[in-house]
């Protein structure tokens, strides 16, 4: 049975903990930093907090992205995804679908519940 040491998982996930500086709500899944922060963004928050890697239920490792309560909406539309970016190095670090889409209007605020990003053990 293949296996990976937690250090392998943690080094990948630690980038989220140490380099992520902004989370954007996007109108579709972004594939680049520019799409995440400009083309598809509907709002963002820089009060992003991501925990250090820990054990994942079912095997593997994960990080917990803390709830966001102060997101600033900068566009009008339906937010369907999130994008986590490293602003200093203009890198897109992670994307995913929101649990439920949100209709947003410029000038309002948004919130997101906490969620996890994980890497499962190899099969």
PDB file of N, CA and C in Angstrom:
ATOM      1  N   UNK A   1       0.849  -1.185   0.000  1.00  0.00           N
ATOM      2  CA  UNK A   1       0.000   0.000   0.000  1.00  0.00           C
ATOM      3  C   UNK A   1       0.889   1.240   0.000  1.00  0.00           C
ATOM      4  N   UNK A   2       0.673   2.169  -0.930  1.00  0.00           N
ATOM      5  CA  UNK A   2       1.490   3.385  -0.956  1.00  0.00           C
ATOM      6  C   UNK A   2       1.190   4.276   0.245  1.00  0.00           C
ATOM      7  N   UNK A   3       2.187   5.021   0.654  1.00  0.00           N
ATOM      8  CA  UNK A   3       1.972   5.972   1.753  1.00  0.00           C
ATOM      9  C   UNK A   3       2.901   7.169   1.579  1.00  0.00           C
ATOM     10  N   UNK A   4       2.522   8.266   2.209  1.00  0.00           N
ATOM     11  CA  UNK A   4       3.333   9.469   2.239  1.00  0.00           C
ATOM     12  C   UNK A   4       3.447   9.928   3.689  1.00  0.00           C
ATOM     13  N   UNK A   5       4.611  10.367   4.075  1.00  0.00           N
ATOM     14  CA  UNK A   5       4.819  10.908   5.404  1.00  0.00           C
ATOM     15  C   UNK A   5       4.085  12.240   5.529  1.00  0.00           C
ATOM     16  N   UNK A   6       3.598  12.552   6.729  1.00  0.00           N
ATOM     17  CA  UNK A   6       2.888  13.822   6.952  1.00  0.00           C
ATOM     18  C   UNK A   6       3.708  15.030   6.508  1.00  0.00           C
ATOM     19  N   UNK A   7       5.022  14.934   6.571  1.00  0.00           N
ATOM     20  CA  UNK A   7       5.875  16.055   6.157  1.00  0.00           C
ATOM     21  C   UNK A   7       5.643  16.417   4.689  1.00  0.00           C
ATOM     22  N   UNK A   8       5.404  15.420   3.851  1.00  0.00           N
ATOM     23  CA  UNK A   8       5.148  15.663   2.431  1.00  0.00           C
ATOM     24  C   UNK A   8       3.862  16.465   2.273  1.00  0.00           C
ATOM     25  N   UNK A   9       2.816  16.040   2.962  1.00  0.00           N
ATOM     26  CA  UNK A   9       1.548  16.773   2.920  1.00  0.00           C
ATOM     27  C   UNK A   9       1.717  18.182   3.485  1.00  0.00           C
ATOM     28  N   UNK A  10       2.333  18.250   4.652  1.00  0.00           N
ATOM     29  CA  UNK A  10       2.433  19.527   5.363  1.00  0.00           C
ATOM     30  C   UNK A  10       3.208  20.578   4.580  1.00  0.00           C
ATOM     31  N   UNK A  11       4.250  20.177   3.881  1.00  0.00           N
ATOM     32  CA  UNK A  11       5.012  21.166   3.113  1.00  0.00           C
ATOM     33  C   UNK A  11       4.170  21.762   1.997  1.00  0.00           C
ATOM     34  N   UNK A  12       3.292  20.989   1.400  1.00  0.00           N
ATOM     35  CA  UNK A  12       2.383  21.530   0.394  1.00  0.00           C
ATOM     36  C   UNK A  12       1.336  22.437   1.003  1.00  0.00           C
ATOM     37  N   UNK A  13       0.725  21.993   2.084  1.00  0.00           N
ATOM     38  CA  UNK A  13      -0.340  22.772   2.717  1.00  0.00           C
ATOM     39  C   UNK A  13       0.174  23.978   3.485  1.00  0.00           C
ATOM     40  N   UNK A  14       1.409  23.941   3.935  1.00  0.00           N
ATOM     41  CA  UNK A  14       1.974  25.073   4.692  1.00  0.00           C
ATOM     42  C   UNK A  14       2.024  26.350   3.866  1.00  0.00           C
ATOM     43  N   UNK A  15       2.099  26.234   2.565  1.00  0.00           N
ATOM     44  CA  UNK A  15       2.086  27.421   1.701  1.00  0.00           C
ATOM     45  C   UNK A  15       0.805  28.220   1.949  1.00  0.00           C
ATOM     46  N   UNK A  16      -0.306  27.527   2.128  1.00  0.00           N
ATOM     47  CA  UNK A  16      -1.563  28.224   2.411  1.00  0.00           C
ATOM     48  C   UNK A  16      -1.482  28.952   3.744  1.00  0.00           C
ATOM     49  N   UNK A  17      -0.923  28.291   4.739  1.00  0.00           N
ATOM     50  CA  UNK A  17      -0.803  28.871   6.077  1.00  0.00           C
ATOM     51  C   UNK A  17       0.145  30.067   6.097  1.00  0.00           C
ATOM     52  N   UNK A  18       1.230  30.003   5.352  1.00  0.00           N
ATOM     53  CA  UNK A  18       2.267  31.029   5.467  1.00  0.00           C
ATOM     54  C   UNK A  18       2.259  32.085   4.372  1.00  0.00           C
ATOM     55  N   UNK A  19       1.698  31.792   3.186  1.00  0.00           N
ATOM     56  CA  UNK A  19       1.788  32.737   2.076  1.00  0.00           C
ATOM     57  C   UNK A  19       0.449  33.349   1.647  1.00  0.00           C
ATOM     58  N   UNK A  20      -0.651  32.708   1.956  1.00  0.00           N
ATOM     59  CA  UNK A  20      -1.958  33.238   1.532  1.00  0.00           C
ATOM     60  C   UNK A  20      -2.247  34.555   2.239  1.00  0.00           C
ATOM     61  N   UNK A  21      -2.698  35.544   1.472  1.00  0.00           N
ATOM     62  CA  UNK A  21      -2.953  36.861   2.069  1.00  0.00           C
ATOM     63  C   UNK A  21      -4.306  37.452   1.700  1.00  0.00           C
ATOM     64  N   UNK A  22      -5.056  36.788   0.837  1.00  0.00           N
ATOM     65  CA  UNK A  22      -6.344  37.341   0.403  1.00  0.00           C
ATOM     66  C   UNK A  22      -7.225  36.212  -0.109  1.00  0.00           C
ATOM     67  N   UNK A  23      -8.525  36.353   0.134  1.00  0.00           N
ATOM     68  CA  UNK A  23      -9.495  35.424  -0.431  1.00  0.00           C
ATOM     69  C   UNK A  23     -10.490  36.247  -1.245  1.00  0.00           C
ATOM     70  N   UNK A  24     -10.771  35.799  -2.451  1.00  0.00           N
ATOM     71  CA  UNK A  24     -11.723  36.466  -3.338  1.00  0.00           C
ATOM     72  C   UNK A  24     -12.937  35.582  -3.556  1.00  0.00           C
ATOM     73  N   UNK A  25     -14.096  36.205  -3.672  1.00  0.00           N
ATOM     74  CA  UNK A  25     -15.285  35.530  -4.183  1.00  0.00           C
ATOM     75  C   UNK A  25     -15.260  35.751  -5.684  1.00  0.00           C
ATOM     76  N   UNK A  26     -15.475  34.700  -6.460  1.00  0.00           N
ATOM     77  CA  UNK A  26     -15.404  34.825  -7.907  1.00  0.00           C
ATOM     78  C   UNK A  26     -16.676  34.301  -8.568  1.00  0.00           C
ATOM     79  N   UNK A  27     -16.928  34.791  -9.773  1.00  0.00           N
ATOM     80  CA  UNK A  27     -18.122  34.422 -10.521  1.00  0.00           C
ATOM     81  C   UNK A  27     -17.973  33.089 -11.239  1.00  0.00           C
ATOM     82  N   UNK A  28     -16.755  32.585 -11.311  1.00  0.00           N
ATOM     83  CA  UNK A  28     -16.465  31.257 -11.835  1.00  0.00           C
ATOM     84  C   UNK A  28     -15.102  30.851 -11.312  1.00  0.00           C
ATOM     85  N   UNK A  29     -14.742  29.588 -11.495  1.00  0.00           N
ATOM     86  CA  UNK A  29     -13.464  29.137 -10.964  1.00  0.00           C
ATOM     87  C   UNK A  29     -12.310  29.807 -11.704  1.00  0.00           C
ATOM     88  N   UNK A  30     -11.437  30.449 -10.960  1.00  0.00           N
ATOM     89  CA  UNK A  30     -10.269  31.117 -11.531  1.00  0.00           C
ATOM     90  C   UNK A  30      -9.174  30.095 -11.798  1.00  0.00           C
ATOM     91  N   UNK A  31      -8.399  30.339 -12.848  1.00  0.00           N
ATOM     92  CA  UNK A  31      -7.259  29.474 -13.151  1.00  0.00           C
ATOM     93  C   UNK A  31      -5.933  30.221 -13.084  1.00  0.00           C
ATOM     94  N   UNK A  32      -5.995  31.537 -12.880  1.00  0.00           N
ATOM     95  CA  UNK A  32      -4.791  32.354 -12.770  1.00  0.00           C
ATOM     96  C   UNK A  32      -5.000  33.408 -11.682  1.00  0.00           C
ATOM     97  N   UNK A  33      -3.920  34.005 -11.252  1.00  0.00           N
ATOM     98  CA  UNK A  33      -3.994  35.086 -10.272  1.00  0.00           C
ATOM     99  C   UNK A  33      -4.836  36.247 -10.813  1.00  0.00           C
ATOM    100  N   UNK A  34      -4.624  36.621 -12.066  1.00  0.00           N
ATOM    101  CA  UNK A  34      -5.368  37.735 -12.663  1.00  0.00           C
ATOM    102  C   UNK A  34      -6.856  37.439 -12.721  1.00  0.00           C
ATOM    103  N   UNK A  35      -7.221  36.230 -13.084  1.00  0.00           N
ATOM    104  CA  UNK A  35      -8.644  35.874 -13.085  1.00  0.00           C
ATOM    105  C   UNK A  35      -9.227  35.965 -11.682  1.00  0.00           C
ATOM    106  N   UNK A  36      -8.473  35.508 -10.699  1.00  0.00           N
ATOM    107  CA  UNK A  36      -8.957  35.504  -9.313  1.00  0.00           C
ATOM    108  C   UNK A  36      -9.138  36.903  -8.756  1.00  0.00           C
ATOM    109  N   UNK A  37      -8.224  37.800  -9.069  1.00  0.00           N
ATOM    110  CA  UNK A  37      -8.213  39.120  -8.424  1.00  0.00           C
ATOM    111  C   UNK A  37      -8.732  40.251  -9.301  1.00  0.00           C
ATOM    112  N   UNK A  38      -8.991  39.965 -10.562  1.00  0.00           N
ATOM    113  CA  UNK A  38      -9.425  41.027 -11.461  1.00  0.00           C
ATOM    114  C   UNK A  38     -10.594  40.587 -12.351  1.00  0.00           C
ATOM    115  N   UNK A  39     -10.367  39.620 -13.214  1.00  0.00           N
ATOM    116  CA  UNK A  39     -11.354  39.222 -14.219  1.00  0.00           C
ATOM    117  C   UNK A  39     -12.656  38.706 -13.610  1.00  0.00           C
ATOM    118  N   UNK A  40     -12.570  37.777 -12.653  1.00  0.00           N
ATOM    119  CA  UNK A  40     -13.760  37.105 -12.110  1.00  0.00           C
ATOM    120  C   UNK A  40     -14.114  37.516 -10.686  1.00  0.00           C
ATOM    121  N   UNK A  41     -13.320  38.381 -10.066  1.00  0.00           N
ATOM    122  CA  UNK A  41     -13.585  38.709  -8.660  1.00  0.00           C
ATOM    123  C   UNK A  41     -14.861  39.539  -8.500  1.00  0.00           C
ATOM    124  N   UNK A  42     -15.572  39.241  -7.415  1.00  0.00           N
ATOM    125  CA  UNK A  42     -16.748  40.026  -7.033  1.00  0.00           C
ATOM    126  C   UNK A  42     -16.548  40.676  -5.673  1.00  0.00           C
ATOM    127  N   UNK A  43     -15.438  40.335  -5.014  1.00  0.00           N
ATOM    128  CA  UNK A  43     -15.129  40.895  -3.706  1.00  0.00           C
ATOM    129  C   UNK A  43     -13.995  40.134  -3.068  1.00  0.00           C
ATOM    130  N   UNK A  44     -13.461  40.697  -1.974  1.00  0.00           N
ATOM    131  CA  UNK A  44     -12.328  40.039  -1.321  1.00  0.00           C
ATOM    132  C   UNK A  44     -12.223  40.435   0.141  1.00  0.00           C
ATOM    133  N   UNK A  45     -11.392  39.695   0.825  1.00  0.00           N
ATOM    134  CA  UNK A  45     -11.048  39.995   2.211  1.00  0.00           C
ATOM    135  C   UNK A  45      -9.574  39.704   2.406  1.00  0.00           C
ATOM    136  N   UNK A  46      -8.898  40.583   3.131  1.00  0.00           N
ATOM    137  CA  UNK A  46      -7.490  40.367   3.455  1.00  0.00           C
ATOM    138  C   UNK A  46      -7.306  39.920   4.902  1.00  0.00           C
ATOM    139  N   UNK A  47      -8.404  39.726   5.615  1.00  0.00           N
ATOM    140  CA  UNK A  47      -8.281  39.234   7.000  1.00  0.00           C
ATOM    141  C   UNK A  47      -8.387  37.705   6.999  1.00  0.00           C
ATOM    142  N   UNK A  48      -7.609  37.114   6.138  1.00  0.00           N
ATOM    143  CA  UNK A  48      -7.587  35.670   5.942  1.00  0.00           C
ATOM    144  C   UNK A  48      -6.730  35.004   7.010  1.00  0.00           C
ATOM    145  N   UNK A  49      -7.259  33.953   7.610  1.00  0.00           N
ATOM    146  CA  UNK A  49      -6.508  33.193   8.611  1.00  0.00           C
ATOM    147  C   UNK A  49      -6.633  31.706   8.284  1.00  0.00           C
ATOM    148  N   UNK A  50      -5.486  31.070   8.081  1.00  0.00           N
ATOM    149  CA  UNK A  50      -5.454  29.645   7.746  1.00  0.00           C
ATOM    150  C   UNK A  50      -4.558  28.951   8.767  1.00  0.00           C
ATOM    151  N   UNK A  51      -5.089  27.909   9.378  1.00  0.00           N
ATOM    152  CA  UNK A  51      -4.361  27.178  10.422  1.00  0.00           C
ATOM    153  C   UNK A  51      -3.248  26.318   9.824  1.00  0.00           C
ATOM    154  N   UNK A  52      -2.338  25.918  10.673  1.00  0.00           N
ATOM    155  CA  UNK A  52      -1.279  25.001  10.282  1.00  0.00           C
ATOM    156  C   UNK A  52      -1.897  23.640   9.934  1.00  0.00           C
ATOM    157  N   UNK A  53      -1.218  22.844   9.116  1.00  0.00           N
ATOM    158  CA  UNK A  53      -1.741  21.527   8.742  1.00  0.00           C
ATOM    159  C   UNK A  53      -1.985  20.637   9.952  1.00  0.00           C
ATOM    160  N   UNK A  54      -3.033  19.808   9.832  1.00  0.00           N
ATOM    161  CA  UNK A  54      -3.383  18.849  10.880  1.00  0.00           C
ATOM    162  C   UNK A  54      -3.973  17.602  10.230  1.00  0.00           C
ATOM    163  N   UNK A  55      -4.236  16.572  11.037  1.00  0.00           N
ATOM    164  CA  UNK A  55      -4.809  15.335  10.520  1.00  0.00           C
ATOM    165  C   UNK A  55      -6.160  15.589   9.868  1.00  0.00           C
ATOM    166  N   UNK A  56      -6.417  14.900   8.778  1.00  0.00           N
ATOM    167  CA  UNK A  56      -7.673  14.998   8.029  1.00  0.00           C
ATOM    168  C   UNK A  56      -8.519  13.782   8.353  1.00  0.00           C
ATOM    169  N   UNK A  57      -9.802  13.996   8.579  1.00  0.00           N
ATOM    170  CA  UNK A  57     -10.717  12.887   8.817  1.00  0.00           C
ATOM    171  C   UNK A  57     -10.700  11.976   7.600  1.00  0.00           C
ATOM    172  N   UNK A  58     -10.509  10.696   7.815  1.00  0.00           N
ATOM    173  CA  UNK A  58     -10.446   9.748   6.708  1.00  0.00           C
ATOM    174  C   UNK A  58      -9.040   9.545   6.172  1.00  0.00           C
ATOM    175  N   UNK A  59      -8.062  10.248   6.736  1.00  0.00           N
ATOM    176  CA  UNK A  59      -6.671  10.085   6.327  1.00  0.00           C
ATOM    177  C   UNK A  59      -6.161  11.256   5.518  1.00  0.00           C
ATOM    178  N   UNK A  60      -4.895  11.528   5.641  1.00  0.00           N
ATOM    179  CA  UNK A  60      -4.277  12.660   4.954  1.00  0.00           C
ATOM    180  C   UNK A  60      -4.127  13.841   5.896  1.00  0.00           C
ATOM    181  N   UNK A  61      -3.962  15.010   5.320  1.00  0.00           N
ATOM    182  CA  UNK A  61      -3.754  16.223   6.096  1.00  0.00           C
ATOM    183  C   UNK A  61      -4.628  17.332   5.522  1.00  0.00           C
ATOM    184  N   UNK A  62      -4.880  18.361   6.360  1.00  0.00           N
ATOM    185  CA  UNK A  62      -5.725  19.467   5.933  1.00  0.00           C
ATOM    186  C   UNK A  62      -5.354  20.735   6.680  1.00  0.00           C
ATOM    187  N   UNK A  63      -5.835  21.865   6.127  1.00  0.00           N
ATOM    188  CA  UNK A  63      -5.774  23.142   6.826  1.00  0.00           C
ATOM    189  C   UNK A  63      -7.201  23.656   6.940  1.00  0.00           C
ATOM    190  N   UNK A  64      -7.444  24.428   7.996  1.00  0.00           N
ATOM    191  CA  UNK A  64      -8.765  25.029   8.207  1.00  0.00           C
ATOM    192  C   UNK A  64      -8.665  26.511   7.880  1.00  0.00           C
ATOM    193  N   UNK A  65      -9.547  26.948   6.984  1.00  0.00           N
ATOM    194  CA  UNK A  65      -9.655  28.364   6.653  1.00  0.00           C
ATOM    195  C   UNK A  65     -10.716  28.940   7.588  1.00  0.00           C
ATOM    196  N   UNK A  66     -10.319  29.907   8.406  1.00  0.00           N
ATOM    197  CA  UNK A  66     -11.237  30.497   9.390  1.00  0.00           C
ATOM    198  C   UNK A  66     -12.358  31.268   8.682  1.00  0.00           C
ATOM    199  N   UNK A  67     -13.484  31.382   9.370  1.00  0.00           N
ATOM    200  CA  UNK A  67     -14.636  32.118   8.841  1.00  0.00           C
ATOM    201  C   UNK A  67     -14.241  33.556   8.508  1.00  0.00           C
ATOM    202  N   UNK A  68     -14.852  34.089   7.481  1.00  0.00           N
ATOM    203  CA  UNK A  68     -14.646  35.474   7.045  1.00  0.00           C
ATOM    204  C   UNK A  68     -15.930  36.228   7.335  1.00  0.00           C
ATOM    205  N   UNK A  69     -15.828  37.381   7.977  1.00  0.00           N
ATOM    206  CA  UNK A  69     -17.041  38.163   8.271  1.00  0.00           C
ATOM    207  C   UNK A  69     -16.966  39.582   7.737  1.00  0.00           C
ATOM    208  N   UNK A  70     -15.834  39.948   7.128  1.00  0.00           N
ATOM    209  CA  UNK A  70     -15.647  41.340   6.716  1.00  0.00           C
ATOM    210  C   UNK A  70     -15.286  41.495   5.247  1.00  0.00           C
ATOM    211  N   UNK A  71     -15.755  40.584   4.403  1.00  0.00           N
ATOM    212  CA  UNK A  71     -15.441  40.674   2.982  1.00  0.00           C
ATOM    213  C   UNK A  71     -16.080  41.895   2.345  1.00  0.00           C
ATOM    214  N   UNK A  72     -15.370  42.536   1.461  1.00  0.00           N
ATOM    215  CA  UNK A  72     -15.858  43.721   0.770  1.00  0.00           C
ATOM    216  C   UNK A  72     -16.285  43.336  -0.647  1.00  0.00           C
ATOM    217  N   UNK A  73     -17.551  43.576  -0.973  1.00  0.00           N
ATOM    218  CA  UNK A  73     -18.060  43.259  -2.310  1.00  0.00           C
ATOM    219  C   UNK A  73     -17.731  44.431  -3.231  1.00  0.00           C
ATOM    220  N   UNK A  74     -17.085  44.117  -4.357  1.00  0.00           N
ATOM    221  CA  UNK A  74     -16.636  45.154  -5.294  1.00  0.00           C
ATOM    222  C   UNK A  74     -17.309  45.051  -6.658  1.00  0.00           C
ATOM    223  N   UNK A  75     -18.171  44.051  -6.836  1.00  0.00           N
ATOM    224  CA  UNK A  75     -18.849  43.874  -8.114  1.00  0.00           C
ATOM    225  C   UNK A  75     -20.239  43.314  -7.903  1.00  0.00           C
ATOM    226  N   UNK A  76     -21.020  43.274  -8.971  1.00  0.00           N
ATOM    227  CA  UNK A  76     -22.371  42.717  -8.927  1.00  0.00           C
ATOM    228  C   UNK A  76     -22.388  41.386  -9.657  1.00  0.00           C
ATOM    229  N   UNK A  77     -23.067  40.393  -9.082  1.00  0.00           N
ATOM    230  CA  UNK A  77     -23.168  39.110  -9.755  1.00  0.00           C
ATOM    231  C   UNK A  77     -23.413  37.986  -8.779  1.00  0.00           C
ATOM    232  N   UNK A  78     -23.205  36.767  -9.260  1.00  0.00           N
ATOM    233  CA  UNK A  78     -23.374  35.579  -8.436  1.00  0.00           C
ATOM    234  C   UNK A  78     -22.017  34.954  -8.170  1.00  0.00           C
ATOM    235  N   UNK A  79     -21.636  34.921  -6.912  1.00  0.00           N
ATOM    236  CA  UNK A  79     -20.373  34.303  -6.511  1.00  0.00           C
ATOM    237  C   UNK A  79     -20.586  32.803  -6.401  1.00  0.00           C
ATOM    238  N   UNK A  80     -19.755  32.039  -7.097  1.00  0.00           N
ATOM    239  CA  UNK A  80     -19.867  30.579  -7.100  1.00  0.00           C
ATOM    240  C   UNK A  80     -18.626  29.888  -6.560  1.00  0.00           C
ATOM    241  N   UNK A  81     -17.500  30.611  -6.503  1.00  0.00           N
ATOM    242  CA  UNK A  81     -16.223  30.013  -6.091  1.00  0.00           C
ATOM    243  C   UNK A  81     -15.443  30.967  -5.189  1.00  0.00           C
ATOM    244  N   UNK A  82     -14.434  30.411  -4.548  1.00  0.00           N
ATOM    245  CA  UNK A  82     -13.472  31.224  -3.814  1.00  0.00           C
ATOM    246  C   UNK A  82     -12.115  31.028  -4.475  1.00  0.00           C
ATOM    247  N   UNK A  83     -11.245  31.991  -4.278  1.00  0.00           N
ATOM    248  CA  UNK A  83      -9.858  31.899  -4.730  1.00  0.00           C
ATOM    249  C   UNK A  83      -8.972  32.449  -3.616  1.00  0.00           C
ATOM    250  N   UNK A  84      -8.000  31.684  -3.216  1.00  0.00           N
ATOM    251  CA  UNK A  84      -7.041  32.119  -2.199  1.00  0.00           C
ATOM    252  C   UNK A  84      -5.745  32.453  -2.919  1.00  0.00           C
ATOM    253  N   UNK A  85      -5.238  33.665  -2.657  1.00  0.00           N
ATOM    254  CA  UNK A  85      -4.064  34.135  -3.391  1.00  0.00           C
ATOM    255  C   UNK A  85      -2.968  34.643  -2.455  1.00  0.00           C
ATOM    256  N   UNK A  86      -1.773  34.676  -2.997  1.00  0.00           N
ATOM    257  CA  UNK A  86      -0.599  35.284  -2.386  1.00  0.00           C
ATOM    258  C   UNK A  86      -0.367  36.574  -3.156  1.00  0.00           C
ATOM    259  N   UNK A  87      -0.773  37.705  -2.582  1.00  0.00           N
ATOM    260  CA  UNK A  87      -0.690  38.996  -3.272  1.00  0.00           C
ATOM    261  C   UNK A  87       0.759  39.394  -3.527  1.00  0.00           C
ATOM    262  N   UNK A  88       1.634  39.214  -2.555  1.00  0.00           N
ATOM    263  CA  UNK A  88       3.038  39.635  -2.695  1.00  0.00           C
ATOM    264  C   UNK A  88       3.720  39.002  -3.901  1.00  0.00           C
ATOM    265  N   UNK A  89       3.405  37.746  -4.167  1.00  0.00           N
ATOM    266  CA  UNK A  89       4.055  37.019  -5.259  1.00  0.00           C
ATOM    267  C   UNK A  89       3.121  36.777  -6.449  1.00  0.00           C
ATOM    268  N   UNK A  90       1.961  37.416  -6.440  1.00  0.00           N
ATOM    269  CA  UNK A  90       0.936  37.286  -7.485  1.00  0.00           C
ATOM    270  C   UNK A  90       0.712  35.830  -7.896  1.00  0.00           C
ATOM    271  N   UNK A  91       0.373  35.008  -6.882  1.00  0.00           N
ATOM    272  CA  UNK A  91       0.133  33.586  -7.117  1.00  0.00           C
ATOM    273  C   UNK A  91      -1.275  33.198  -6.716  1.00  0.00           C
ATOM    274  N   UNK A  92      -1.918  32.419  -7.543  1.00  0.00           N
ATOM    275  CA  UNK A  92      -3.168  31.756  -7.189  1.00  0.00           C
ATOM    276  C   UNK A  92      -2.783  30.478  -6.465  1.00  0.00           C
ATOM    277  N   UNK A  93      -3.231  30.325  -5.207  1.00  0.00           N
ATOM    278  CA  UNK A  93      -2.830  29.171  -4.407  1.00  0.00           C
ATOM    279  C   UNK A  93      -3.889  28.079  -4.343  1.00  0.00           C
ATOM    280  N   UNK A  94      -5.166  28.453  -4.303  1.00  0.00           N
ATOM    281  CA  UNK A  94      -6.225  27.447  -4.188  1.00  0.00           C
ATOM    282  C   UNK A  94      -7.549  28.035  -4.655  1.00  0.00           C
ATOM    283  N   UNK A  95      -8.386  27.195  -5.216  1.00  0.00           N
ATOM    284  CA  UNK A  95      -9.742  27.583  -5.588  1.00  0.00           C
ATOM    285  C   UNK A  95     -10.688  26.456  -5.221  1.00  0.00           C
ATOM    286  N   UNK A  96     -11.951  26.782  -5.138  1.00  0.00           N
ATOM    287  CA  UNK A  96     -12.960  25.758  -4.881  1.00  0.00           C
ATOM    288  C   UNK A  96     -14.348  26.357  -4.998  1.00  0.00           C
ATOM    289  N   UNK A  97     -15.306  25.477  -5.115  1.00  0.00           N
ATOM    290  CA  UNK A  97     -16.699  25.911  -5.203  1.00  0.00           C
ATOM    291  C   UNK A  97     -17.201  26.292  -3.818  1.00  0.00           C
ATOM    292  N   UNK A  98     -18.032  27.315  -3.758  1.00  0.00           N
ATOM    293  CA  UNK A  98     -18.701  27.668  -2.509  1.00  0.00           C
ATOM    294  C   UNK A  98     -19.752  26.608  -2.199  1.00  0.00           C
ATOM    295  N   UNK A  99     -20.066  26.428  -0.942  1.00  0.00           N
ATOM    296  CA  UNK A  99     -21.114  25.481  -0.554  1.00  0.00           C
ATOM    297  C   UNK A  99     -22.435  25.853  -1.204  1.00  0.00           C
ATOM    298  N   UNK A 100     -22.718  27.142  -1.265  1.00  0.00           N
ATOM    299  CA  UNK A 100     -23.906  27.661  -1.939  1.00  0.00           C
ATOM    300  C   UNK A 100     -23.517  28.960  -2.627  1.00  0.00           C
ATOM    301  N   UNK A 101     -24.027  29.174  -3.833  1.00  0.00           N
ATOM    302  CA  UNK A 101     -23.726  30.430  -4.524  1.00  0.00           C
ATOM    303  C   UNK A 101     -24.370  31.596  -3.775  1.00  0.00           C
ATOM    304  N   UNK A 102     -23.803  32.783  -3.955  1.00  0.00           N
ATOM    305  CA  UNK A 102     -24.290  33.985  -3.287  1.00  0.00           C
ATOM    306  C   UNK A 102     -24.456  35.098  -4.316  1.00  0.00           C
ATOM    307  N   UNK A 103     -25.623  35.709  -4.358  1.00  0.00           N
ATOM    308  CA  UNK A 103     -25.812  36.903  -5.172  1.00  0.00           C
ATOM    309  C   UNK A 103     -25.273  38.076  -4.364  1.00  0.00           C
ATOM    310  N   UNK A 104     -24.372  38.852  -4.979  1.00  0.00           N
ATOM    311  CA  UNK A 104     -23.735  39.956  -4.268  1.00  0.00           C
ATOM    312  C   UNK A 104     -23.893  41.252  -5.043  1.00  0.00           C
ATOM    313  N   UNK A 105     -23.860  42.361  -4.311  1.00  0.00           N
ATOM    314  CA  UNK A 105     -23.973  43.692  -4.917  1.00  0.00           C
ATOM    315  C   UNK A 105     -22.848  44.579  -4.401  1.00  0.00           C
ATOM    316  N   UNK A 106     -22.224  45.303  -5.294  1.00  0.00           N
ATOM    317  CA  UNK A 106     -21.115  46.180  -4.956  1.00  0.00           C
ATOM    318  C   UNK A 106     -21.477  47.115  -3.805  1.00  0.00           C
ATOM    319  N   UNK A 107     -20.534  47.269  -2.883  1.00  0.00           N
ATOM    320  CA  UNK A 107     -20.731  48.138  -1.728  1.00  0.00           C
ATOM    321  C   UNK A 107     -21.180  47.395  -0.486  1.00  0.00           C
ATOM    322  N   UNK A 108     -21.634  46.163  -0.642  1.00  0.00           N
ATOM    323  CA  UNK A 108     -22.051  45.355   0.503  1.00  0.00           C
ATOM    324  C   UNK A 108     -20.871  44.583   1.068  1.00  0.00           C
ATOM    325  N   UNK A 109     -21.127  43.819   2.107  1.00  0.00           N
ATOM    326  CA  UNK A 109     -20.111  42.936   2.677  1.00  0.00           C
ATOM    327  C   UNK A 109     -20.547  41.494   2.469  1.00  0.00           C
ATOM    328  N   UNK A 110     -19.587  40.590   2.586  1.00  0.00           N
ATOM    329  CA  UNK A 110     -19.914  39.170   2.502  1.00  0.00           C
ATOM    330  C   UNK A 110     -19.251  38.439   3.659  1.00  0.00           C
ATOM    331  N   UNK A 111     -19.774  37.264   3.949  1.00  0.00           N
ATOM    332  CA  UNK A 111     -19.178  36.394   4.962  1.00  0.00           C
ATOM    333  C   UNK A 111     -19.134  34.981   4.403  1.00  0.00           C
ATOM    334  N   UNK A 112     -18.201  34.213   4.920  1.00  0.00           N
ATOM    335  CA  UNK A 112     -18.056  32.802   4.579  1.00  0.00           C
ATOM    336  C   UNK A 112     -17.828  32.038   5.870  1.00  0.00           C
ATOM    337  N   UNK A 113     -18.419  30.869   5.976  1.00  0.00           N
ATOM    338  CA  UNK A 113     -18.138  30.003   7.112  1.00  0.00           C
ATOM    339  C   UNK A 113     -16.760  29.378   6.959  1.00  0.00           C
ATOM    340  N   UNK A 114     -16.229  28.840   8.030  1.00  0.00           N
ATOM    341  CA  UNK A 114     -14.928  28.172   7.943  1.00  0.00           C
ATOM    342  C   UNK A 114     -15.051  26.918   7.076  1.00  0.00           C
ATOM    343  N   UNK A 115     -13.937  26.544   6.462  1.00  0.00           N
ATOM    344  CA  UNK A 115     -13.925  25.343   5.633  1.00  0.00           C
ATOM    345  C   UNK A 115     -12.505  24.768   5.631  1.00  0.00           C
ATOM    346  N   UNK A 116     -12.384  23.564   5.111  1.00  0.00           N
ATOM    347  CA  UNK A 116     -11.077  22.905   5.081  1.00  0.00           C
ATOM    348  C   UNK A 116     -10.617  22.678   3.642  1.00  0.00           C
ATOM    349  N   UNK A 117      -9.307  22.628   3.499  1.00  0.00           N
ATOM    350  CA  UNK A 117      -8.667  22.240   2.247  1.00  0.00           C
ATOM    351  C   UNK A 117      -7.723  21.115   2.617  1.00  0.00           C
ATOM    352  N   UNK A 118      -7.872  19.970   1.966  1.00  0.00           N
ATOM    353  CA  UNK A 118      -7.071  18.834   2.384  1.00  0.00           C
ATOM    354  C   UNK A 118      -6.503  18.023   1.239  1.00  0.00           C
ATOM    355  N   UNK A 119      -5.566  17.172   1.612  1.00  0.00           N
ATOM    356  CA  UNK A 119      -4.966  16.210   0.701  1.00  0.00           C
ATOM    357  C   UNK A 119      -5.176  14.831   1.319  1.00  0.00           C
ATOM    358  N   UNK A 120      -5.904  13.935   0.622  1.00  0.00           N
ATOM    359  CA  UNK A 120      -6.146  12.602   1.180  1.00  0.00           C
ATOM    360  C   UNK A 120      -4.893  11.718   1.084  1.00  0.00           C
ATOM    361  N   UNK A 121      -4.859  10.679   1.912  1.00  0.00           N
ATOM    362  CA  UNK A 121      -3.806   9.688   1.801  1.00  0.00           C
ATOM    363  C   UNK A 121      -3.888   9.024   0.421  1.00  0.00           C
ATOM    364  N   UNK A 122      -2.752   8.572  -0.118  1.00  0.00           N
ATOM    365  CA  UNK A 122      -2.798   7.893  -1.413  1.00  0.00           C
ATOM    366  C   UNK A 122      -3.583   6.594  -1.326  1.00  0.00           C
ATOM    367  N   UNK A 123      -4.227   6.240  -2.412  1.00  0.00           N
ATOM    368  CA  UNK A 123      -5.031   4.995  -2.449  1.00  0.00           C
ATOM    369  C   UNK A 123      -4.164   3.796  -2.672  1.00  0.00           C
TER     370      UNK A 123
END
